[in-house]
């Protein structure tokens, strides 16, 4: 008589959750050009404007370069 192959119970395999998708980089914009009106005690007041021309980031620090124009009021 031929041997009957054993019958094993079906096993439910635990499903692993899907790997999280890569985090999208947040995009933020801001207006960095504009007018300046700053008074420093004992020095005077600077009135002018700043217009950015370049941006760079290194080690989490943002550096903005640009043109500063204005005049010093006493």
PDB file of N, CA and C in Angstrom:
ATOM      1  N   UNK A   1       0.841  -1.160   0.000  1.00  0.00           N
ATOM      2  CA  UNK A   1       0.000   0.000   0.000  1.00  0.00           C
ATOM      3  C   UNK A   1       0.892   1.230   0.000  1.00  0.00           C
ATOM      4  N   UNK A   2       0.668   2.177  -0.936  1.00  0.00           N
ATOM      5  CA  UNK A   2       1.521   3.354  -0.993  1.00  0.00           C
ATOM      6  C   UNK A   2       1.275   4.266   0.200  1.00  0.00           C
ATOM      7  N   UNK A   3       2.329   4.906   0.610  1.00  0.00           N
ATOM      8  CA  UNK A   3       2.223   5.825   1.758  1.00  0.00           C
ATOM      9  C   UNK A   3       1.530   7.106   1.337  1.00  0.00           C
ATOM     10  N   UNK A   4       0.662   7.585   2.165  1.00  0.00           N
ATOM     11  CA  UNK A   4      -0.042   8.844   1.912  1.00  0.00           C
ATOM     12  C   UNK A   4       0.817   9.984   2.449  1.00  0.00           C
ATOM     13  N   UNK A   5       1.060  10.988   1.623  1.00  0.00           N
ATOM     14  CA  UNK A   5       1.877  12.096   2.137  1.00  0.00           C
ATOM     15  C   UNK A   5       1.173  12.780   3.297  1.00  0.00           C
ATOM     16  N   UNK A   6       1.941  13.241   4.262  1.00  0.00           N
ATOM     17  CA  UNK A   6       1.315  13.897   5.416  1.00  0.00           C
ATOM     18  C   UNK A   6       0.656  15.207   4.993  1.00  0.00           C
ATOM     19  N   UNK A   7      -0.366  15.575   5.656  1.00  0.00           N
ATOM     20  CA  UNK A   7      -1.075  16.827   5.409  1.00  0.00           C
ATOM     21  C   UNK A   7      -0.803  17.748   6.587  1.00  0.00           C
ATOM     22  N   UNK A   8      -0.179  18.857   6.285  1.00  0.00           N
ATOM     23  CA  UNK A   8       0.132  19.815   7.342  1.00  0.00           C
ATOM     24  C   UNK A   8      -0.922  20.912   7.358  1.00  0.00           C
ATOM     25  N   UNK A   9      -1.254  21.401   8.542  1.00  0.00           N
ATOM     26  CA  UNK A   9      -2.247  22.489   8.598  1.00  0.00           C
ATOM     27  C   UNK A   9      -1.682  23.753   7.963  1.00  0.00           C
ATOM     28  N   UNK A  10      -2.538  24.531   7.346  1.00  0.00           N
ATOM     29  CA  UNK A  10      -2.105  25.796   6.749  1.00  0.00           C
ATOM     30  C   UNK A  10      -1.715  26.769   7.846  1.00  0.00           C
ATOM     31  N   UNK A  11      -0.680  27.477   7.586  1.00  0.00           N
ATOM     32  CA  UNK A  11      -0.227  28.468   8.558  1.00  0.00           C
ATOM     33  C   UNK A  11      -0.501  29.866   8.006  1.00  0.00           C
ATOM     34  N   UNK A  12      -0.942  30.706   8.870  1.00  0.00           N
ATOM     35  CA  UNK A  12      -1.114  32.111   8.505  1.00  0.00           C
ATOM     36  C   UNK A  12       0.223  32.797   8.737  1.00  0.00           C
ATOM     37  N   UNK A  13       0.736  33.413   7.705  1.00  0.00           N
ATOM     38  CA  UNK A  13       1.990  34.132   7.833  1.00  0.00           C
ATOM     39  C   UNK A  13       1.695  35.570   8.222  1.00  0.00           C
ATOM     40  N   UNK A  14       2.404  36.014   9.219  1.00  0.00           N
ATOM     41  CA  UNK A  14       2.217  37.400   9.640  1.00  0.00           C
ATOM     42  C   UNK A  14       2.779  38.317   8.561  1.00  0.00           C
ATOM     43  N   UNK A  15       1.999  39.269   8.153  1.00  0.00           N
ATOM     44  CA  UNK A  15       2.448  40.216   7.140  1.00  0.00           C
ATOM     45  C   UNK A  15       3.206  41.347   7.811  1.00  0.00           C
ATOM     46  N   UNK A  16       4.329  41.642   7.264  1.00  0.00           N
ATOM     47  CA  UNK A  16       5.100  42.764   7.769  1.00  0.00           C
ATOM     48  C   UNK A  16       4.509  44.048   7.206  1.00  0.00           C
ATOM     49  N   UNK A  17       4.466  45.090   8.030  1.00  0.00           N
ATOM     50  CA  UNK A  17       3.964  46.354   7.484  1.00  0.00           C
ATOM     51  C   UNK A  17       4.891  46.859   6.394  1.00  0.00           C
ATOM     52  N   UNK A  18       4.328  47.560   5.473  1.00  0.00           N
ATOM     53  CA  UNK A  18       5.124  48.113   4.376  1.00  0.00           C
ATOM     54  C   UNK A  18       6.136  49.107   4.929  1.00  0.00           C
ATOM     55  N   UNK A  19       7.284  49.122   4.332  1.00  0.00           N
ATOM     56  CA  UNK A  19       8.314  50.076   4.751  1.00  0.00           C
ATOM     57  C   UNK A  19       7.798  51.484   4.504  1.00  0.00           C
ATOM     58  N   UNK A  20       8.087  52.385   5.442  1.00  0.00           N
ATOM     59  CA  UNK A  20       7.614  53.757   5.231  1.00  0.00           C
ATOM     60  C   UNK A  20       8.271  54.366   4.010  1.00  0.00           C
ATOM     61  N   UNK A  21       7.501  55.161   3.298  1.00  0.00           N
ATOM     62  CA  UNK A  21       8.070  55.815   2.122  1.00  0.00           C
ATOM     63  C   UNK A  21       9.030  56.901   2.580  1.00  0.00           C
ATOM     64  N   UNK A  22       9.939  57.231   1.722  1.00  0.00           N
ATOM     65  CA  UNK A  22      10.915  58.258   2.062  1.00  0.00           C
ATOM     66  C   UNK A  22      10.191  59.567   2.355  1.00  0.00           C
ATOM     67  N   UNK A  23      10.630  60.240   3.389  1.00  0.00           N
ATOM     68  CA  UNK A  23      10.008  61.505   3.760  1.00  0.00           C
ATOM     69  C   UNK A  23      10.278  62.534   2.669  1.00  0.00           C
ATOM     70  N   UNK A  24       9.235  63.230   2.321  1.00  0.00           N
ATOM     71  CA  UNK A  24       9.429  64.260   1.304  1.00  0.00           C
ATOM     72  C   UNK A  24      10.052  65.487   1.958  1.00  0.00           C
ATOM     73  N   UNK A  25      10.880  66.173   1.212  1.00  0.00           N
ATOM     74  CA  UNK A  25      11.500  67.378   1.732  1.00  0.00           C
ATOM     75  C   UNK A  25      10.472  68.495   1.703  1.00  0.00           C
ATOM     76  N   UNK A  26      10.358  69.143   2.824  1.00  0.00           N
ATOM     77  CA  UNK A  26       9.411  70.245   2.899  1.00  0.00           C
ATOM     78  C   UNK A  26       9.940  71.421   2.088  1.00  0.00           C
ATOM     79  N   UNK A  27       9.044  72.078   1.453  1.00  0.00           N
ATOM     80  CA  UNK A  27       9.421  73.240   0.671  1.00  0.00           C
ATOM     81  C   UNK A  27       8.778  74.460   1.313  1.00  0.00           C
ATOM     82  N   UNK A  28       9.605  75.391   1.686  1.00  0.00           N
ATOM     83  CA  UNK A  28       9.081  76.608   2.296  1.00  0.00           C
ATOM     84  C   UNK A  28       9.634  77.796   1.535  1.00  0.00           C
ATOM     85  N   UNK A  29       8.802  78.771   1.372  1.00  0.00           N
ATOM     86  CA  UNK A  29       9.255  79.982   0.694  1.00  0.00           C
ATOM     87  C   UNK A  29       9.023  81.167   1.618  1.00  0.00           C
ATOM     88  N   UNK A  30       9.827  82.160   1.463  1.00  0.00           N
ATOM     89  CA  UNK A  30       9.680  83.377   2.253  1.00  0.00           C
ATOM     90  C   UNK A  30      10.224  84.545   1.452  1.00  0.00           C
ATOM     91  N   UNK A  31       9.675  85.688   1.704  1.00  0.00           N
ATOM     92  CA  UNK A  31      10.152  86.892   1.059  1.00  0.00           C
ATOM     93  C   UNK A  31      11.290  87.447   1.909  1.00  0.00           C
ATOM     94  N   UNK A  32      12.504  87.414   1.374  1.00  0.00           N
ATOM     95  CA  UNK A  32      13.642  87.898   2.140  1.00  0.00           C
ATOM     96  C   UNK A  32      14.133  89.254   1.661  1.00  0.00           C
ATOM     97  N   UNK A  33      13.548  89.771   0.617  1.00  0.00           N
ATOM     98  CA  UNK A  33      13.922  91.119   0.195  1.00  0.00           C
ATOM     99  C   UNK A  33      12.932  92.086   0.817  1.00  0.00           C
ATOM    100  N   UNK A  34      13.365  93.277   1.013  1.00  0.00           N
ATOM    101  CA  UNK A  34      12.444  94.251   1.571  1.00  0.00           C
ATOM    102  C   UNK A  34      13.180  95.440   2.133  1.00  0.00           C
ATOM    103  N   UNK A  35      12.431  96.278   2.800  1.00  0.00           N
ATOM    104  CA  UNK A  35      13.011  97.494   3.348  1.00  0.00           C
ATOM    105  C   UNK A  35      13.529  97.259   4.761  1.00  0.00           C
ATOM    106  N   UNK A  36      14.495  98.090   5.132  1.00  0.00           N
ATOM    107  CA  UNK A  36      15.087  98.025   6.465  1.00  0.00           C
ATOM    108  C   UNK A  36      15.016  99.416   7.063  1.00  0.00           C
ATOM    109  N   UNK A  37      14.571  99.476   8.289  1.00  0.00           N
ATOM    110  CA  UNK A  37      14.563 100.728   9.034  1.00  0.00           C
ATOM    111  C   UNK A  37      14.934 100.367  10.462  1.00  0.00           C
ATOM    112  N   UNK A  38      16.223 100.472  10.774  1.00  0.00           N
ATOM    113  CA  UNK A  38      16.715 100.007  12.073  1.00  0.00           C
ATOM    114  C   UNK A  38      17.486 101.108  12.773  1.00  0.00           C
ATOM    115  N   UNK A  39      17.115 101.351  14.033  1.00  0.00           N
ATOM    116  CA  UNK A  39      17.800 102.346  14.848  1.00  0.00           C
ATOM    117  C   UNK A  39      18.660 101.633  15.877  1.00  0.00           C
ATOM    118  N   UNK A  40      19.926 102.048  15.954  1.00  0.00           N
ATOM    119  CA  UNK A  40      20.856 101.498  16.944  1.00  0.00           C
ATOM    120  C   UNK A  40      21.244 102.642  17.867  1.00  0.00           C
ATOM    121  N   UNK A  41      20.989 102.487  19.166  1.00  0.00           N
ATOM    122  CA  UNK A  41      21.293 103.533  20.141  1.00  0.00           C
ATOM    123  C   UNK A  41      22.756 103.948  20.049  1.00  0.00           C
ATOM    124  N   UNK A  42      22.986 105.244  20.026  1.00  0.00           N
ATOM    125  CA  UNK A  42      24.328 105.782  19.984  1.00  0.00           C
ATOM    126  C   UNK A  42      24.964 105.751  18.606  1.00  0.00           C
ATOM    127  N   UNK A  43      24.317 105.134  17.636  1.00  0.00           N
ATOM    128  CA  UNK A  43      24.879 105.025  16.291  1.00  0.00           C
ATOM    129  C   UNK A  43      24.026 105.792  15.295  1.00  0.00           C
ATOM    130  N   UNK A  44      22.734 105.567  15.324  1.00  0.00           N
ATOM    131  CA  UNK A  44      21.832 106.224  14.387  1.00  0.00           C
ATOM    132  C   UNK A  44      20.883 105.227  13.752  1.00  0.00           C
ATOM    133  N   UNK A  45      20.310 105.635  12.667  1.00  0.00           N
ATOM    134  CA  UNK A  45      19.307 104.825  11.978  1.00  0.00           C
ATOM    135  C   UNK A  45      19.790 104.491  10.574  1.00  0.00           C
ATOM    136  N   UNK A  46      19.615 103.246  10.188  1.00  0.00           N
ATOM    137  CA  UNK A  46      19.909 102.828   8.819  1.00  0.00           C
ATOM    138  C   UNK A  46      18.582 102.617   8.119  1.00  0.00           C
ATOM    139  N   UNK A  47      18.431 103.232   6.966  1.00  0.00           N
ATOM    140  CA  UNK A  47      17.230 103.066   6.147  1.00  0.00           C
ATOM    141  C   UNK A  47      17.687 102.589   4.779  1.00  0.00           C
ATOM    142  N   UNK A  48      17.132 101.477   4.332  1.00  0.00           N
ATOM    143  CA  UNK A  48      17.538 100.957   3.035  1.00  0.00           C
ATOM    144  C   UNK A  48      16.783  99.699   2.665  1.00  0.00           C
ATOM    145  N   UNK A  49      17.441  98.893   1.828  1.00  0.00           N
ATOM    146  CA  UNK A  49      16.807  97.658   1.363  1.00  0.00           C
ATOM    147  C   UNK A  49      17.863  96.575   1.170  1.00  0.00           C
ATOM    148  N   UNK A  50      17.397  95.352   1.163  1.00  0.00           N
ATOM    149  CA  UNK A  50      18.258  94.194   0.927  1.00  0.00           C
ATOM    150  C   UNK A  50      17.634  93.366  -0.180  1.00  0.00           C
ATOM    151  N   UNK A  51      18.436  93.024  -1.188  1.00  0.00           N
ATOM    152  CA  UNK A  51      17.983  92.180  -2.293  1.00  0.00           C
ATOM    153  C   UNK A  51      18.898  90.967  -2.375  1.00  0.00           C
ATOM    154  N   UNK A  52      18.368  89.763  -2.109  1.00  0.00           N
ATOM    155  CA  UNK A  52      19.219  88.566  -2.128  1.00  0.00           C
ATOM    156  C   UNK A  52      19.660  88.195  -3.544  1.00  0.00           C
ATOM    157  N   UNK A  53      20.863  87.627  -3.628  1.00  0.00           N
ATOM    158  CA  UNK A  53      21.347  87.154  -4.928  1.00  0.00           C
ATOM    159  C   UNK A  53      21.815  85.706  -4.875  1.00  0.00           C
ATOM    160  N   UNK A  54      21.945  85.152  -3.685  1.00  0.00           N
ATOM    161  CA  UNK A  54      22.378  83.756  -3.583  1.00  0.00           C
ATOM    162  C   UNK A  54      22.075  83.164  -2.222  1.00  0.00           C
ATOM    163  N   UNK A  55      21.906  81.845  -2.208  1.00  0.00           N
ATOM    164  CA  UNK A  55      21.614  81.117  -0.984  1.00  0.00           C
ATOM    165  C   UNK A  55      22.515  79.892  -0.927  1.00  0.00           C
ATOM    166  N   UNK A  56      22.953  79.529   0.270  1.00  0.00           N
ATOM    167  CA  UNK A  56      23.676  78.279   0.451  1.00  0.00           C
ATOM    168  C   UNK A  56      23.364  77.758   1.841  1.00  0.00           C
ATOM    169  N   UNK A  57      23.462  76.453   1.997  1.00  0.00           N
ATOM    170  CA  UNK A  57      23.199  75.831   3.292  1.00  0.00           C
ATOM    171  C   UNK A  57      24.319  74.858   3.596  1.00  0.00           C
ATOM    172  N   UNK A  58      24.788  74.899   4.835  1.00  0.00           N
ATOM    173  CA  UNK A  58      25.829  73.974   5.269  1.00  0.00           C
ATOM    174  C   UNK A  58      25.638  73.728   6.760  1.00  0.00           C
ATOM    175  N   UNK A  59      25.618  72.461   7.131  1.00  0.00           N
ATOM    176  CA  UNK A  59      25.450  72.060   8.538  1.00  0.00           C
ATOM    177  C   UNK A  59      24.206  72.683   9.160  1.00  0.00           C
ATOM    178  N   UNK A  60      23.136  72.752   8.395  1.00  0.00           N
ATOM    179  CA  UNK A  60      21.873  73.272   8.910  1.00  0.00           C
ATOM    180  C   UNK A  60      21.805  74.787   9.005  1.00  0.00           C
ATOM    181  N   UNK A  61      22.814  75.488   8.521  1.00  0.00           N
ATOM    182  CA  UNK A  61      22.818  76.948   8.584  1.00  0.00           C
ATOM    183  C   UNK A  61      22.634  77.518   7.182  1.00  0.00           C
ATOM    184  N   UNK A  62      21.692  78.425   7.054  1.00  0.00           N
ATOM    185  CA  UNK A  62      21.411  79.066   5.776  1.00  0.00           C
ATOM    186  C   UNK A  62      22.181  80.379   5.697  1.00  0.00           C
ATOM    187  N   UNK A  63      22.863  80.591   4.593  1.00  0.00           N
ATOM    188  CA  UNK A  63      23.584  81.833   4.342  1.00  0.00           C
ATOM    189  C   UNK A  63      22.977  82.502   3.119  1.00  0.00           C
ATOM    190  N   UNK A  64      22.676  83.785   3.257  1.00  0.00           N
ATOM    191  CA  UNK A  64      22.100  84.551   2.158  1.00  0.00           C
ATOM    192  C   UNK A  64      23.076  85.678   1.818  1.00  0.00           C
ATOM    193  N   UNK A  65      23.407  85.789   0.557  1.00  0.00           N
ATOM    194  CA  UNK A  65      24.238  86.903   0.105  1.00  0.00           C
ATOM    195  C   UNK A  65      23.381  87.801  -0.768  1.00  0.00           C
ATOM    196  N   UNK A  66      23.734  89.059  -0.816  1.00  0.00           N
ATOM    197  CA  UNK A  66      22.946  89.962  -1.629  1.00  0.00           C
ATOM    198  C   UNK A  66      23.451  91.383  -1.563  1.00  0.00           C
ATOM    199  N   UNK A  67      22.628  92.285  -2.052  1.00  0.00           N
ATOM    200  CA  UNK A  67      22.974  93.694  -2.143  1.00  0.00           C
ATOM    201  C   UNK A  67      22.230  94.471  -1.070  1.00  0.00           C
ATOM    202  N   UNK A  68      22.997  95.174  -0.237  1.00  0.00           N
ATOM    203  CA  UNK A  68      22.444  96.026   0.803  1.00  0.00           C
ATOM    204  C   UNK A  68      22.643  97.469   0.361  1.00  0.00           C
ATOM    205  N   UNK A  69      21.564  98.206   0.241  1.00  0.00           N
ATOM    206  CA  UNK A  69      21.635  99.591  -0.193  1.00  0.00           C
ATOM    207  C   UNK A  69      20.896 100.457   0.826  1.00  0.00           C
ATOM    208  N   UNK A  70      21.390 101.652   1.033  1.00  0.00           N
ATOM    209  CA  UNK A  70      20.678 102.535   1.937  1.00  0.00           C
ATOM    210  C   UNK A  70      21.521 103.686   2.380  1.00  0.00           C
ATOM    211  N   UNK A  71      21.053 104.343   3.459  1.00  0.00           N
ATOM    212  CA  UNK A  71      21.785 105.479   3.992  1.00  0.00           C
ATOM    213  C   UNK A  71      21.667 105.483   5.511  1.00  0.00           C
ATOM    214  N   UNK A  72      22.648 106.095   6.121  1.00  0.00           N
ATOM    215  CA  UNK A  72      22.721 106.193   7.564  1.00  0.00           C
ATOM    216  C   UNK A  72      22.186 107.568   7.983  1.00  0.00           C
ATOM    217  N   UNK A  73      21.174 107.560   8.816  1.00  0.00           N
ATOM    218  CA  UNK A  73      20.603 108.825   9.320  1.00  0.00           C
ATOM    219  C   UNK A  73      21.089 109.003  10.759  1.00  0.00           C
ATOM    220  N   UNK A  74      21.581 110.202  11.087  1.00  0.00           N
ATOM    221  CA  UNK A  74      22.080 110.453  12.442  1.00  0.00           C
ATOM    222  C   UNK A  74      20.969 110.905  13.347  1.00  0.00           C
TER     223      UNK A  74
END
